[in-house]
N, C-alpha and C. Protein backbone atom coordinates (compact mmCIF):
# COMPACT_ATOMS: atom_id res chain seq x y z
N UNK A 1 100.78 83.05 117.99
CA UNK A 1 100.75 83.98 118.80
C UNK A 1 102.19 84.37 119.33
N UNK A 2 102.29 85.12 120.05
CA UNK A 2 103.30 85.88 120.56
C UNK A 2 103.89 85.49 121.70
N UNK A 3 104.95 84.56 122.25
CA UNK A 3 104.93 83.85 123.79
C UNK A 3 105.86 85.28 124.46
N UNK A 4 107.30 85.06 123.73
CA UNK A 4 108.15 85.59 123.68
C UNK A 4 108.71 87.19 123.17
N UNK A 5 109.02 88.14 124.02
CA UNK A 5 109.79 89.51 123.40
C UNK A 5 111.14 88.97 123.64
N UNK A 6 112.27 89.23 123.32
CA UNK A 6 113.75 89.24 122.89
C UNK A 6 114.80 90.25 121.99
N UNK A 7 115.56 90.97 123.19
CA UNK A 7 115.90 92.41 122.67
C UNK A 7 117.27 92.20 122.53
N UNK A 8 118.08 92.78 121.74
CA UNK A 8 119.62 93.54 121.73
C UNK A 8 119.03 94.14 123.37
N UNK A 9 120.85 94.79 123.10
CA UNK A 9 121.13 95.63 124.24
C UNK A 9 121.85 97.06 124.34
N UNK A 10 122.74 96.86 123.54
CA UNK A 10 123.35 98.38 123.38
C UNK A 10 122.64 99.16 122.15
N UNK A 11 122.28 100.59 122.00
CA UNK A 11 121.24 101.52 121.01
C UNK A 11 119.98 100.25 121.00
N UNK A 12 119.31 99.73 121.93
CA UNK A 12 117.63 99.34 122.33
C UNK A 12 117.59 99.36 123.17
N UNK A 13 117.97 98.49 123.93
CA UNK A 13 117.32 99.62 125.45
C UNK A 13 118.82 100.52 126.39
N UNK A 14 119.43 99.83 125.85
CA UNK A 14 121.29 100.85 126.90
C UNK A 14 121.44 101.47 125.47
N UNK A 15 121.13 103.33 126.39
CA UNK A 15 121.44 104.47 125.26
C UNK A 15 122.80 104.76 125.26
N UNK A 16 123.53 104.76 124.40
CA UNK A 16 124.81 105.23 123.83
C UNK A 16 125.07 106.26 123.38
N UNK A 17 123.96 106.80 122.76
CA UNK A 17 124.59 108.83 122.78
C UNK A 17 124.65 109.19 123.64
N UNK A 18 123.47 108.86 125.20
CA UNK A 18 123.32 109.46 126.49
C UNK A 18 124.54 108.89 126.88
N UNK A 19 125.31 107.71 126.63
CA UNK A 19 126.51 107.52 127.30
C UNK A 19 127.58 108.15 127.55
N UNK A 20 127.54 108.62 125.77
CA UNK A 20 129.02 108.41 125.17
C UNK A 20 129.01 110.40 125.59
N UNK A 21 127.47 111.12 125.53
CA UNK A 21 127.45 112.34 126.83
C UNK A 21 128.28 112.51 127.64
N UNK A 22 127.86 111.64 129.16
CA UNK A 22 128.24 111.54 130.52
C UNK A 22 129.80 111.29 130.06
N UNK A 23 130.46 110.01 129.22
CA UNK A 23 131.97 110.85 129.51
C UNK A 23 132.95 111.55 128.80
N UNK A 24 132.41 112.41 128.02
CA UNK A 24 132.61 113.68 127.35
C UNK A 24 134.03 113.78 128.16
N UNK A 25 133.76 114.76 130.12
CA UNK A 25 134.55 114.88 130.68
C UNK A 25 135.86 114.06 131.16
N UNK A 26 134.87 112.98 131.13
CA UNK A 26 136.54 111.07 131.21
C UNK A 26 137.32 111.13 130.28
N UNK A 27 136.34 111.88 128.99
CA UNK A 27 137.85 111.18 127.89
C UNK A 27 138.90 112.92 127.78
N UNK A 28 138.28 113.52 128.13
CA UNK A 28 138.84 114.68 127.96
C UNK A 28 140.35 114.55 129.79
N UNK A 29 139.84 113.82 130.47
CA UNK A 29 140.79 114.00 131.50
C UNK A 29 141.83 112.49 130.68
N UNK A 30 141.29 112.01 129.99
CA UNK A 30 142.52 110.76 129.54
C UNK A 30 143.14 111.19 128.53
N UNK A 31 143.04 112.11 127.45
CA UNK A 31 143.47 112.41 126.61
C UNK A 31 143.87 113.45 126.27
N UNK A 32 144.61 114.44 125.08
CA UNK A 32 144.63 115.80 125.14
C UNK A 32 143.68 115.87 124.29
N UNK A 33 142.79 116.99 124.50
CA UNK A 33 141.72 117.11 123.43
C UNK A 33 141.35 118.60 123.54
N UNK A 34 140.95 118.83 122.24
CA UNK A 34 140.92 119.97 121.58
C UNK A 34 140.24 121.16 123.07
N UNK A 35 140.55 121.94 123.25
CA UNK A 35 140.05 122.60 123.96
C UNK A 35 138.85 123.57 123.77
N UNK A 36 139.08 124.02 121.84
CA UNK A 36 138.72 125.24 121.41
C UNK A 36 137.05 123.99 121.66
N UNK A 37 137.37 122.92 121.41
CA UNK A 37 135.21 122.81 121.34
C UNK A 37 134.22 121.96 122.54
N UNK A 38 132.98 122.52 122.97
CA UNK A 38 132.58 121.43 124.10
C UNK A 38 132.40 121.22 123.91
N UNK A 39 132.13 120.57 125.36
CA UNK A 39 131.23 119.11 125.39
C UNK A 39 130.73 118.85 124.19
N UNK A 40 129.95 118.96 124.61
CA UNK A 40 128.60 119.12 123.01
C UNK A 40 128.83 118.59 122.08
N UNK A 41 129.95 119.95 121.45
CA UNK A 41 130.10 119.59 120.05
C UNK A 41 130.99 118.06 119.75
N UNK A 42 132.07 118.12 120.98
CA UNK A 42 132.96 116.96 120.99
C UNK A 42 131.91 114.94 120.66
N UNK A 43 130.75 115.63 121.88
CA UNK A 43 129.35 114.65 121.93
C UNK A 43 129.08 114.24 120.61
N UNK A 44 128.89 115.72 119.86
CA UNK A 44 128.22 115.41 118.67
C UNK A 44 128.96 114.88 118.14
N UNK A 45 130.43 114.91 117.56
CA UNK A 45 131.55 113.97 116.76
C UNK A 45 131.80 112.35 117.09
N UNK A 46 131.71 112.66 118.29
CA UNK A 46 131.36 111.24 118.81
C UNK A 46 130.60 109.55 118.47
N UNK A 47 128.58 110.65 118.63
CA UNK A 47 127.41 110.48 118.32
C UNK A 47 127.40 109.91 117.09
N UNK A 48 128.17 110.54 116.49
CA UNK A 48 128.14 110.37 114.54
C UNK A 48 129.26 109.89 114.39
N UNK A 49 130.34 109.38 114.72
CA UNK A 49 131.55 108.05 114.62
C UNK A 49 130.54 106.86 115.10
N UNK A 50 129.35 106.93 116.01
CA UNK A 50 129.14 105.96 116.60
C UNK A 50 128.25 105.36 115.32
N UNK A 51 127.02 106.50 115.50
CA UNK A 51 125.82 106.27 114.75
C UNK A 51 126.41 104.84 112.90
N UNK A 52 128.01 105.90 112.39
CA UNK A 52 127.94 105.20 111.20
C UNK A 52 129.29 103.91 111.60
N UNK A 53 129.51 104.11 112.64
CA UNK A 53 130.45 102.75 111.68
C UNK A 53 130.61 101.93 113.33
N UNK A 54 129.48 102.24 113.91
CA UNK A 54 129.45 101.19 115.16
C UNK A 54 129.80 99.60 114.30
N UNK A 55 128.90 99.22 112.49
CA UNK A 55 129.39 98.14 112.60
C UNK A 55 130.12 97.56 112.04
N UNK A 56 131.67 98.45 111.69
CA UNK A 56 132.35 98.41 111.41
C UNK A 56 133.31 97.67 112.39
N UNK A 57 133.18 98.71 113.33
CA UNK A 57 134.07 98.37 114.74
C UNK A 57 134.77 99.60 115.18
N UNK A 58 134.93 99.77 116.05
CA UNK A 58 134.96 100.97 117.64
C UNK A 58 136.69 101.05 116.59
N UNK A 59 137.26 100.57 116.12
CA UNK A 59 138.73 101.32 115.42
C UNK A 59 137.99 102.12 114.45
N UNK A 60 137.21 102.22 113.74
CA UNK A 60 136.99 103.13 112.43
C UNK A 60 136.27 103.97 113.78
N UNK A 61 135.30 103.92 114.85
CA UNK A 61 135.24 105.20 115.04
C UNK A 61 135.84 106.52 115.98
N UNK A 62 136.92 105.69 116.40
CA UNK A 62 138.95 106.31 116.95
C UNK A 62 139.05 107.07 115.51
N UNK A 63 138.69 106.37 114.18
CA UNK A 63 139.96 106.89 113.09
C UNK A 63 138.73 108.23 112.96
N UNK A 64 137.59 107.81 112.89
CA UNK A 64 136.92 109.12 113.12
C UNK A 64 137.00 110.63 113.48
N UNK A 65 137.22 109.84 115.37
CA UNK A 65 137.34 111.00 116.30
C UNK A 65 139.25 112.36 115.83
N UNK A 66 139.90 111.25 114.98
CA UNK A 66 141.11 111.11 114.83
C UNK A 66 141.01 112.81 113.41
N UNK A 67 140.18 112.01 112.67
CA UNK A 67 139.94 113.05 111.56
C UNK A 67 139.80 114.08 112.01
N UNK A 68 138.70 113.55 112.99
CA UNK A 68 137.85 115.10 112.67
C UNK A 68 138.43 115.95 113.56
N UNK A 69 140.49 116.06 114.85
CA UNK A 69 140.30 116.37 115.37
C UNK A 69 139.92 116.60 116.64
N UNK A 70 140.05 116.40 117.36
CA UNK A 70 139.19 115.38 118.61
C UNK A 70 140.43 115.26 119.40
N UNK A 71 141.67 114.48 119.04
CA UNK A 71 142.54 114.86 119.96
C UNK A 71 143.61 115.91 119.22
N UNK A 72 143.84 116.92 120.57
CA UNK A 72 145.04 117.81 119.64
C UNK A 72 146.97 117.08 119.77
N UNK A 73 146.54 115.53 120.70
CA UNK A 73 148.03 115.35 120.45
C UNK A 73 148.03 113.15 119.93
N UNK A 74 148.81 112.49 119.50
CA UNK A 74 148.44 110.79 118.91
C UNK A 74 147.92 110.41 120.16
N UNK A 75 147.15 109.99 119.84
CA UNK A 75 146.56 108.86 120.77
C UNK A 75 146.06 107.19 120.49
N UNK A 76 146.67 106.58 121.17
CA UNK A 76 146.57 105.29 119.72
C UNK A 76 144.99 104.66 120.27
N UNK A 77 145.40 103.41 119.78
CA UNK A 77 142.98 102.73 119.55
C UNK A 77 143.39 101.97 120.65
N UNK A 78 144.57 101.56 121.63
CA UNK A 78 144.41 100.92 122.40
C UNK A 78 143.97 101.49 123.75
N UNK A 79 144.81 102.47 124.01
CA UNK A 79 144.38 103.39 124.81
C UNK A 79 142.74 103.77 124.73
N UNK A 80 142.21 103.87 123.30
CA UNK A 80 140.50 104.29 123.30
C UNK A 80 140.36 103.60 123.98
N UNK A 81 140.82 102.28 123.59
CA UNK A 81 139.95 100.51 123.87
C UNK A 81 139.42 100.52 125.05
N UNK A 82 141.07 100.79 125.94
CA UNK A 82 140.78 100.58 126.90
C UNK A 82 139.95 101.69 127.74
N UNK A 83 139.57 103.17 127.18
CA UNK A 83 138.91 103.99 127.65
C UNK A 83 137.66 103.69 127.51
N UNK A 84 137.34 103.65 126.83
CA UNK A 84 135.72 102.94 126.47
C UNK A 84 135.70 102.09 127.20
N UNK A 85 135.83 100.68 126.92
CA UNK A 85 135.51 99.84 128.33
C UNK A 85 135.32 99.76 129.19
N UNK A 86 136.61 100.71 130.13
CA UNK A 86 136.74 100.92 131.18
C UNK A 86 135.79 102.09 132.30
N UNK A 87 135.23 102.91 130.84
CA UNK A 87 134.15 103.36 131.26
C UNK A 87 133.04 103.49 131.02
N UNK A 88 131.94 102.53 130.34
CA UNK A 88 130.71 101.70 129.96
C UNK A 88 130.97 100.43 130.92
N UNK A 89 131.81 100.64 131.72
CA UNK A 89 131.54 99.45 133.09
C UNK A 89 131.30 100.68 134.19
N UNK A 90 132.02 102.35 133.93
CA UNK A 90 130.90 102.83 135.23
C UNK A 90 129.33 103.92 134.91
N UNK A 91 129.49 104.21 133.58
CA UNK A 91 128.35 104.38 133.34
C UNK A 91 128.24 104.06 132.45
N UNK A 92 126.95 103.90 132.06
CA UNK A 92 126.00 103.45 131.53
C UNK A 92 124.20 104.38 132.28
N UNK A 93 123.74 104.38 130.80
CA UNK A 93 122.60 105.62 131.00
C UNK A 93 121.04 103.91 129.87
N UNK A 94 120.54 104.25 130.67
CA UNK A 94 119.19 103.19 129.56
C UNK A 94 118.65 104.95 128.97
N UNK A 95 117.70 104.17 128.31
CA UNK A 95 116.83 105.00 127.41
C UNK A 95 115.72 104.59 128.80
N UNK A 96 114.98 105.75 129.22
CA UNK A 96 113.96 106.09 130.18
C UNK A 96 112.78 105.33 130.06
N UNK A 97 112.30 104.90 128.99
CA UNK A 97 110.86 104.06 128.89
C UNK A 97 111.64 102.36 129.29
N UNK A 98 112.57 102.31 129.04
CA UNK A 98 113.39 101.51 128.99
C UNK A 98 113.23 99.85 130.04
N UNK A 99 112.65 100.44 131.66
CA UNK A 99 112.26 99.58 132.59
C UNK A 99 110.93 99.40 132.72
N UNK A 100 110.09 101.07 132.25
CA UNK A 100 108.13 100.86 132.09
C UNK A 100 107.76 99.87 131.37
N UNK A 101 108.96 99.90 129.62
CA UNK A 101 107.97 99.27 128.72
C UNK A 101 107.83 98.00 129.42
N UNK A 102 109.27 97.48 129.87
CA UNK A 102 110.05 96.06 129.60
C UNK A 102 108.34 95.47 131.05
N UNK A 103 108.48 96.24 131.94
CA UNK A 103 107.75 95.81 133.42
C UNK A 103 106.41 95.79 132.74
N UNK A 104 105.42 96.70 131.91
CA UNK A 104 104.45 96.14 131.67
C UNK A 104 104.38 94.79 130.42
N UNK A 105 105.66 95.12 129.53
CA UNK A 105 105.54 93.11 129.28
C UNK A 105 105.24 92.31 129.86
N UNK A 106 105.53 92.44 130.48
CA UNK A 106 106.09 91.34 131.10
C UNK A 106 105.46 91.42 132.16
N UNK A 107 103.83 91.78 132.93
CA UNK A 107 102.74 91.60 133.52
C UNK A 107 101.59 91.30 132.19
N UNK A 108 101.89 91.72 131.02
CA UNK A 108 100.66 91.20 130.13
C UNK A 108 101.00 89.36 129.99
N UNK A 109 101.96 89.09 130.55
CA UNK A 109 102.74 87.72 130.27
C UNK A 109 103.57 87.19 129.45
N UNK A 110 104.44 88.01 128.46
CA UNK A 110 105.04 88.08 127.73
C UNK A 110 106.56 87.77 128.70
N UNK A 111 107.32 86.00 127.79
CA UNK A 111 108.26 85.83 128.20
C UNK A 111 109.92 87.36 127.92
N UNK A 112 110.48 87.09 128.82
CA UNK A 112 111.43 88.91 128.12
C UNK A 112 113.21 87.86 128.19
N UNK A 113 113.59 88.09 127.01
CA UNK A 113 114.52 87.98 126.97
C UNK A 113 115.75 88.59 126.35
N UNK A 114 117.50 88.79 126.37
CA UNK A 114 118.37 89.53 125.39
C UNK A 114 118.81 88.46 125.35
N UNK A 115 119.86 88.94 123.90
CA UNK A 115 120.77 88.67 123.53
C UNK A 115 121.66 89.85 123.27
N UNK A 116 123.15 89.48 123.56
CA UNK A 116 123.71 90.88 123.18
C UNK A 116 125.64 89.79 122.72
N UNK A 117 125.54 90.84 121.94
CA UNK A 117 126.84 90.43 121.23
C UNK A 117 128.11 91.56 122.75
N UNK A 118 129.14 90.73 122.41
CA UNK A 118 130.05 91.32 123.66
C UNK A 118 130.64 90.96 124.73
N UNK A 119 131.44 91.06 125.83
CA UNK A 119 131.39 89.90 126.44
C UNK A 119 131.12 89.88 128.09
N UNK A 120 131.80 88.74 128.69
CA UNK A 120 130.50 89.05 129.88
C UNK A 120 130.30 89.82 130.11
N UNK A 121 132.17 90.14 131.09
CA UNK A 121 131.49 91.62 132.30
C UNK A 121 131.43 92.52 132.02
N UNK A 122 131.76 93.14 130.91
CA UNK A 122 131.25 94.44 130.33
C UNK A 122 129.52 94.28 130.82
N UNK A 123 129.13 93.23 129.56
CA UNK A 123 127.24 93.30 128.86
C UNK A 123 126.70 93.18 131.01
N UNK A 124 126.53 92.36 131.41
CA UNK A 124 126.54 92.09 132.36
C UNK A 124 126.64 93.49 133.97
N UNK A 125 128.41 94.38 133.11
CA UNK A 125 127.75 95.67 134.22
C UNK A 125 127.52 96.77 133.79
N UNK A 126 126.91 96.66 132.20
CA UNK A 126 126.05 98.02 131.45
C UNK A 126 124.77 97.37 132.09
N UNK A 127 123.98 96.44 132.25
CA UNK A 127 122.48 95.84 132.94
C UNK A 127 122.27 95.78 134.60
N UNK A 128 124.15 96.05 135.36
CA UNK A 128 123.61 96.15 136.55
C UNK A 128 123.10 97.37 136.49
N UNK A 129 124.29 98.75 136.13
CA UNK A 129 124.38 100.22 135.30
C UNK A 129 122.59 100.68 134.84
N UNK A 130 122.18 100.13 134.34
CA UNK A 130 121.20 100.90 133.74
C UNK A 130 119.36 100.63 134.22
N UNK A 131 119.98 99.19 135.71
CA UNK A 131 118.94 98.33 135.79
C UNK A 131 118.04 97.56 135.53
N UNK A 132 118.23 97.03 134.50
CA UNK A 132 117.82 95.49 133.75
C UNK A 132 117.65 94.28 133.90
N UNK A 133 119.32 93.84 134.77
CA UNK A 133 119.16 92.76 135.10
C UNK A 133 118.70 91.78 135.15
N UNK A 134 117.50 92.67 136.43
CA UNK A 134 116.58 91.42 137.28
C UNK A 134 115.73 90.87 136.44
N UNK A 135 115.16 91.52 135.52
CA UNK A 135 114.21 91.70 134.47
C UNK A 135 113.55 90.58 132.96
N UNK A 136 114.39 90.43 132.99
CA UNK A 136 115.00 88.88 131.99
C UNK A 136 114.72 87.93 132.59
N UNK A 137 114.09 86.79 131.65
CA UNK A 137 113.86 85.71 131.98
C UNK A 137 114.85 84.86 131.40
N UNK A 138 115.22 84.95 130.94
CA UNK A 138 116.88 84.68 130.19
C UNK A 138 117.37 85.89 129.83
N UNK A 139 119.44 85.34 130.12
CA UNK A 139 120.00 86.45 129.42
C UNK A 139 121.26 85.55 128.53
N UNK A 140 121.47 86.18 126.86
CA UNK A 140 122.22 85.40 126.30
C UNK A 140 123.33 85.91 126.41
N UNK A 141 124.91 86.16 126.73
CA UNK A 141 125.47 87.18 126.45
C UNK A 141 126.62 86.49 125.08
N UNK A 142 126.87 87.02 124.01
CA UNK A 142 128.17 86.28 123.39
C UNK A 142 129.41 85.54 124.06
N UNK A 143 129.67 86.22 124.66
CA UNK A 143 131.50 85.58 124.41
C UNK A 143 131.50 84.38 126.16
N UNK A 144 129.98 84.36 126.40
CA UNK A 144 129.63 83.20 127.06
C UNK A 144 129.71 81.48 126.60
N UNK A 145 129.23 82.31 124.97
CA UNK A 145 129.53 80.60 124.22
C UNK A 145 130.71 81.23 122.82
N UNK A 146 130.06 80.11 121.97
CA UNK A 146 130.99 80.14 120.69
C UNK A 146 130.50 80.73 119.66
N UNK A 147 129.61 81.38 119.67
CA UNK A 147 128.71 82.12 118.65
C UNK A 147 128.34 83.33 119.00
N UNK A 148 128.38 84.19 117.79
CA UNK A 148 127.42 85.07 118.25
C UNK A 148 126.16 85.87 118.04
N UNK A 149 125.36 86.43 117.21
CA UNK A 149 124.47 87.60 116.46
C UNK A 149 125.58 87.52 115.09
N UNK A 150 125.27 87.45 113.74
CA UNK A 150 124.30 87.01 113.21
C UNK A 150 123.54 85.93 113.12
N UNK A 151 124.73 84.56 113.97
CA UNK A 151 124.28 83.02 113.51
C UNK A 151 123.60 82.77 113.73
N UNK A 152 122.26 82.26 113.61
CA UNK A 152 121.10 81.98 114.17
C UNK A 152 120.93 80.86 115.01
N UNK A 153 121.78 79.82 115.05
CA UNK A 153 122.55 79.28 116.69
C UNK A 153 121.80 79.83 118.10
N UNK A 154 122.46 81.30 117.91
CA UNK A 154 122.32 81.90 119.33
C UNK A 154 121.09 82.32 119.77
N UNK A 155 120.37 82.33 118.16
CA UNK A 155 118.52 83.01 118.55
C UNK A 155 118.26 81.78 119.01
N UNK A 156 118.58 80.32 118.00
CA UNK A 156 117.78 79.11 119.10
C UNK A 156 118.00 78.33 120.13
N UNK A 157 119.80 79.13 120.61
CA UNK A 157 120.25 79.28 121.85
C UNK A 157 119.09 79.37 122.64
N UNK A 158 118.88 80.38 122.24
CA UNK A 158 117.13 81.38 123.45
C UNK A 158 116.23 81.27 123.82
N UNK A 159 115.39 80.57 122.14
CA UNK A 159 114.63 79.82 122.10
C UNK A 159 114.09 78.60 123.10
N UNK A 160 115.47 77.64 123.20
CA UNK A 160 116.16 76.50 123.80
C UNK A 160 115.13 77.09 125.26
N UNK A 161 115.93 78.16 125.55
CA UNK A 161 115.74 78.57 127.64
C UNK A 161 114.60 78.81 127.52
N UNK A 162 113.82 79.57 126.89
CA UNK A 162 112.44 79.88 127.14
C UNK A 162 111.77 78.47 126.86
N UNK A 163 111.74 77.49 126.00
CA UNK A 163 110.90 76.63 126.15
C UNK A 163 109.89 77.31 124.70
N UNK A 164 110.39 77.58 123.92
CA UNK A 164 109.65 78.59 122.68
C UNK A 164 109.47 77.96 121.70
N UNK A 165 109.18 77.89 120.40
CA UNK A 165 109.26 77.78 119.20
C UNK A 165 110.07 78.70 118.28
N UNK A 166 110.81 79.37 117.80
CA UNK A 166 110.70 80.29 116.92
C UNK A 166 109.40 81.59 116.81
N UNK A 167 108.66 80.26 116.24
CA UNK A 167 108.20 82.04 115.62
C UNK A 167 106.87 82.44 116.65
N UNK A 168 106.92 81.71 117.53
CA UNK A 168 106.86 81.91 119.23
C UNK A 168 107.23 83.33 119.48
N UNK A 169 108.46 83.60 118.51
CA UNK A 169 108.88 84.58 119.33
C UNK A 169 109.50 85.90 118.84
N UNK A 170 109.61 87.38 119.25
CA UNK A 170 109.96 88.36 118.14
C UNK A 170 111.22 88.91 118.35
N UNK A 171 112.39 89.35 118.60
CA UNK A 171 113.22 89.94 118.20
C UNK A 171 113.68 91.51 117.78
N UNK A 172 113.94 91.85 118.88
CA UNK A 172 113.68 93.36 118.84
C UNK A 172 115.76 94.26 118.64
N UNK A 173 116.04 94.21 117.57
CA UNK A 173 117.18 95.19 118.42
C UNK A 173 117.62 96.67 116.62
N UNK A 174 118.47 96.92 116.93
CA UNK A 174 119.17 98.08 116.12
C UNK A 174 119.81 97.79 113.98
N UNK A 175 120.25 96.80 114.43
CA UNK A 175 121.38 96.21 113.55
C UNK A 175 120.56 95.42 112.83
N UNK A 176 120.43 96.01 111.69
CA UNK A 176 119.76 95.44 110.39
C UNK A 176 120.88 93.77 110.15
N UNK A 177 121.87 93.75 110.20
CA UNK A 177 122.88 92.37 109.89
C UNK A 177 122.64 91.55 111.02
N UNK A 178 123.16 92.23 112.61
CA UNK A 178 122.72 90.83 112.97
C UNK A 178 121.48 90.75 114.29
N UNK A 179 120.53 91.77 113.90
CA UNK A 179 119.64 90.81 114.73
C UNK A 179 118.32 91.37 113.98
N UNK A 180 118.48 91.78 112.09
CA UNK A 180 117.24 91.71 112.03
C UNK A 180 117.52 90.30 111.14
N UNK A 181 118.18 90.30 110.69
CA UNK A 181 118.87 88.98 109.61
C UNK A 181 119.19 87.57 110.48
N UNK A 182 119.81 87.88 111.55
CA UNK A 182 119.52 86.63 112.45
C UNK A 182 118.99 86.11 112.45
N UNK A 183 118.00 86.76 113.69
CA UNK A 183 116.70 86.03 114.08
C UNK A 183 115.76 85.73 112.88
N UNK A 184 116.24 86.46 111.51
CA UNK A 184 114.44 86.72 111.10
C UNK A 184 114.82 85.18 110.41
N UNK A 185 116.29 84.12 110.27
CA UNK A 185 117.10 83.08 109.88
C UNK A 185 116.64 82.18 110.89
N UNK A 186 116.56 82.52 112.42
CA UNK A 186 116.10 81.41 113.29
C UNK A 186 114.81 81.30 113.16
N UNK A 187 113.74 82.52 111.76
CA UNK A 187 112.65 81.52 111.94
C UNK A 187 111.24 82.93 112.49
N UNK A 188 112.14 83.62 113.30
CA UNK A 188 111.28 84.41 114.18
C UNK A 188 110.86 85.66 113.93
N UNK A 189 110.47 86.39 114.35
CA UNK A 189 109.71 87.20 113.64
C UNK A 189 110.92 89.02 113.73
N UNK A 190 110.80 89.75 113.80
CA UNK A 190 111.96 90.59 114.09
C UNK A 190 110.90 92.74 113.80
N UNK A 191 111.92 92.84 114.56
CA UNK A 191 111.01 94.54 114.70
C UNK A 191 112.73 95.45 114.78
N UNK A 192 113.13 96.62 113.62
CA UNK A 192 114.43 96.63 113.48
C UNK A 192 114.28 98.47 113.74
N UNK A 193 114.71 98.83 115.74
CA UNK A 193 114.52 99.88 116.14
C UNK A 193 115.81 101.10 115.71
N UNK A 194 115.29 101.88 114.45
CA UNK A 194 116.38 102.36 113.67
C UNK A 194 116.38 104.16 114.76
N UNK A 195 117.69 102.98 115.86
CA UNK A 195 118.09 104.28 116.27
C UNK A 195 118.82 104.87 115.87
N UNK A 196 120.10 104.02 114.67
CA UNK A 196 121.43 104.41 114.79
C UNK A 196 121.19 104.63 113.14
N UNK A 197 121.90 104.63 112.21
CA UNK A 197 122.06 104.69 110.58
C UNK A 197 121.15 104.10 110.13
N UNK A 198 119.80 104.75 109.37
CA UNK A 198 118.33 104.23 109.40
C UNK A 198 118.88 103.72 107.50
N UNK A 199 120.18 103.75 106.86
CA UNK A 199 120.33 103.91 106.02
C UNK A 199 121.39 102.22 105.93
N UNK A 200 121.18 101.46 106.81
CA UNK A 200 121.16 100.31 106.96
C UNK A 200 120.45 99.09 106.09
N UNK A 201 121.91 98.55 105.31
CA UNK A 201 120.86 97.52 104.21
C UNK A 201 121.13 96.10 105.10
N UNK A 202 120.10 95.22 104.97
CA UNK A 202 120.13 93.52 105.37
C UNK A 202 119.21 92.66 104.60
N UNK A 203 119.77 91.35 103.68
CA UNK A 203 118.58 90.58 103.70
C UNK A 203 117.65 90.46 103.75
N UNK A 204 117.20 90.24 105.01
CA UNK A 204 115.39 90.41 105.69
C UNK A 204 114.90 91.33 105.70
N UNK A 205 113.68 91.14 105.52
CA UNK A 205 112.89 92.74 105.82
C UNK A 205 112.17 92.51 107.44
N UNK A 206 112.28 93.44 108.08
CA UNK A 206 111.68 93.81 109.13
C UNK A 206 109.98 93.22 109.72
N UNK A 207 109.85 92.81 110.26
CA UNK A 207 108.01 92.43 110.19
C UNK A 207 107.67 93.99 110.79
N UNK A 208 108.66 94.84 110.80
CA UNK A 208 108.02 96.46 111.91
C UNK A 208 109.32 96.99 111.48
N UNK A 209 109.23 98.51 111.53
CA UNK A 209 110.61 99.09 111.45
C UNK A 209 109.79 100.70 112.67
N UNK A 210 110.40 100.25 114.03
CA UNK A 210 110.15 102.02 114.90
C UNK A 210 111.43 102.99 114.66
N UNK A 211 111.33 103.87 115.23
CA UNK A 211 112.20 105.33 115.69
C UNK A 211 112.64 104.85 117.33
N UNK A 212 111.86 104.27 117.98
CA UNK A 212 112.10 104.20 119.54
C UNK A 212 111.18 103.23 119.79
N UNK A 213 111.56 102.81 121.76
CA UNK A 213 110.86 101.71 121.58
C UNK A 213 109.67 101.72 121.81
N UNK A 214 109.56 103.34 121.96
CA UNK A 214 107.92 104.11 122.64
C UNK A 214 106.79 103.76 121.53
N UNK A 215 107.42 103.25 120.45
CA UNK A 215 106.77 103.24 119.34
C UNK A 215 106.35 101.31 119.37
N UNK A 216 106.69 100.13 120.29
CA UNK A 216 106.81 98.68 119.78
C UNK A 216 105.09 98.24 120.62
N UNK A 217 104.33 98.81 121.94
CA UNK A 217 103.50 98.28 122.68
C UNK A 217 102.47 97.85 121.00
N UNK A 218 102.79 99.79 120.40
CA UNK A 218 101.67 100.14 119.04
C UNK A 218 101.54 99.34 118.05
N UNK A 219 102.62 98.61 118.08
CA UNK A 219 102.57 97.21 116.75
C UNK A 219 101.52 96.31 116.78
N UNK A 220 100.89 96.49 115.08
CA UNK A 220 99.88 95.01 115.29
C UNK A 220 99.61 93.57 115.97
N UNK A 221 101.30 93.72 116.23
CA UNK A 221 101.57 92.21 116.90
C UNK A 221 101.28 92.22 117.67
N UNK A 222 101.66 93.07 118.82
CA UNK A 222 100.86 93.15 120.15
C UNK A 222 100.15 92.92 120.57
N UNK A 223 98.45 93.39 119.05
CA UNK A 223 97.08 93.51 119.50
C UNK A 223 96.98 92.67 119.09
N UNK A 224 95.24 92.61 120.87
CA UNK A 224 93.63 91.55 119.87
C UNK A 224 95.18 90.13 119.79
N UNK A 225 95.25 89.69 120.68
CA UNK A 225 96.36 88.67 121.51
C UNK A 225 95.62 88.28 122.67
N UNK A 226 95.19 86.45 122.21
CA UNK A 226 95.33 85.47 123.66
C UNK A 226 95.82 84.56 124.17
N UNK A 227 96.13 84.92 125.45
CA UNK A 227 97.39 83.84 125.33
C UNK A 227 97.31 83.71 126.66
N UNK A 228 97.34 81.94 127.12
CA UNK A 228 97.26 81.93 128.93
C UNK A 228 99.20 82.63 129.62
N UNK A 229 98.67 83.13 131.25
CA UNK A 229 100.46 83.88 131.40
C UNK A 229 99.68 82.70 132.83
N UNK A 230 100.74 83.31 133.48
CA UNK A 230 101.12 81.58 134.85
C UNK A 230 99.23 82.33 135.34
N UNK A 231 98.76 83.76 135.39
CA UNK A 231 97.26 83.51 136.08
C UNK A 231 96.13 83.50 135.36
N UNK A 232 95.98 83.35 134.12
CA UNK A 232 95.49 82.35 132.92
C UNK A 232 95.51 83.56 131.94
N UNK A 233 93.45 83.08 131.27
CA UNK A 233 94.09 84.48 130.34
C UNK A 233 93.13 85.12 129.83
N UNK A 234 94.20 85.62 129.35
CA UNK A 234 94.09 87.47 128.86
C UNK A 234 94.00 88.03 127.52
N UNK A 235 93.13 88.74 127.80
CA UNK A 235 93.52 89.43 126.81
C UNK A 235 94.04 91.11 126.00
N UNK A 236 94.96 90.37 125.37
CA UNK A 236 95.59 91.73 125.38
C UNK A 236 95.35 93.61 124.25
């Protein structure tokens, strides 16, 4: 019986594509960018790079931008990395259905958690900007601990914080290795959100796969459950 729904942040609740589109003008101000390309064209290249190389790291995304001629004069990876950190701390766009969905899950009695890899300051700033930080029962940012996804220990830590067994939790994320393999290794159920490169491979098959979080509540695992909440027995 499911008692908790635990989420990844980037590409799951935080819309990186929309955020990248929003900071293209800042990219033009910070670097010498090809003026013959529109903001939409630059955003499309950036989104392609993010989808295909996010699993490899930001340096690969930067290399893709360079190879596609986005910059008209040399820029270093360190400059790019600093730019992204600075602007992700200023601009963050949530998926518009994220907050309503999280609110409904809480109203139905589920505990809500978040596990995200990254630095404390940046990840909490994103949560504040997208207006979601208050809704979680527990938040784990890997930068606060000596462990990160896909290690099963970080998922078991969340179970400990929520006072639940792994089998009572489902983890929802876009990364087959970090999210699906990691959570499955800890004994959780898993939902793969195919919001990025759908050709990812992993050791574990997800219990369900969806294109966006809009589909989450319609999954069989969320139907016909009886459980106790603070206000009594609820039939879903």
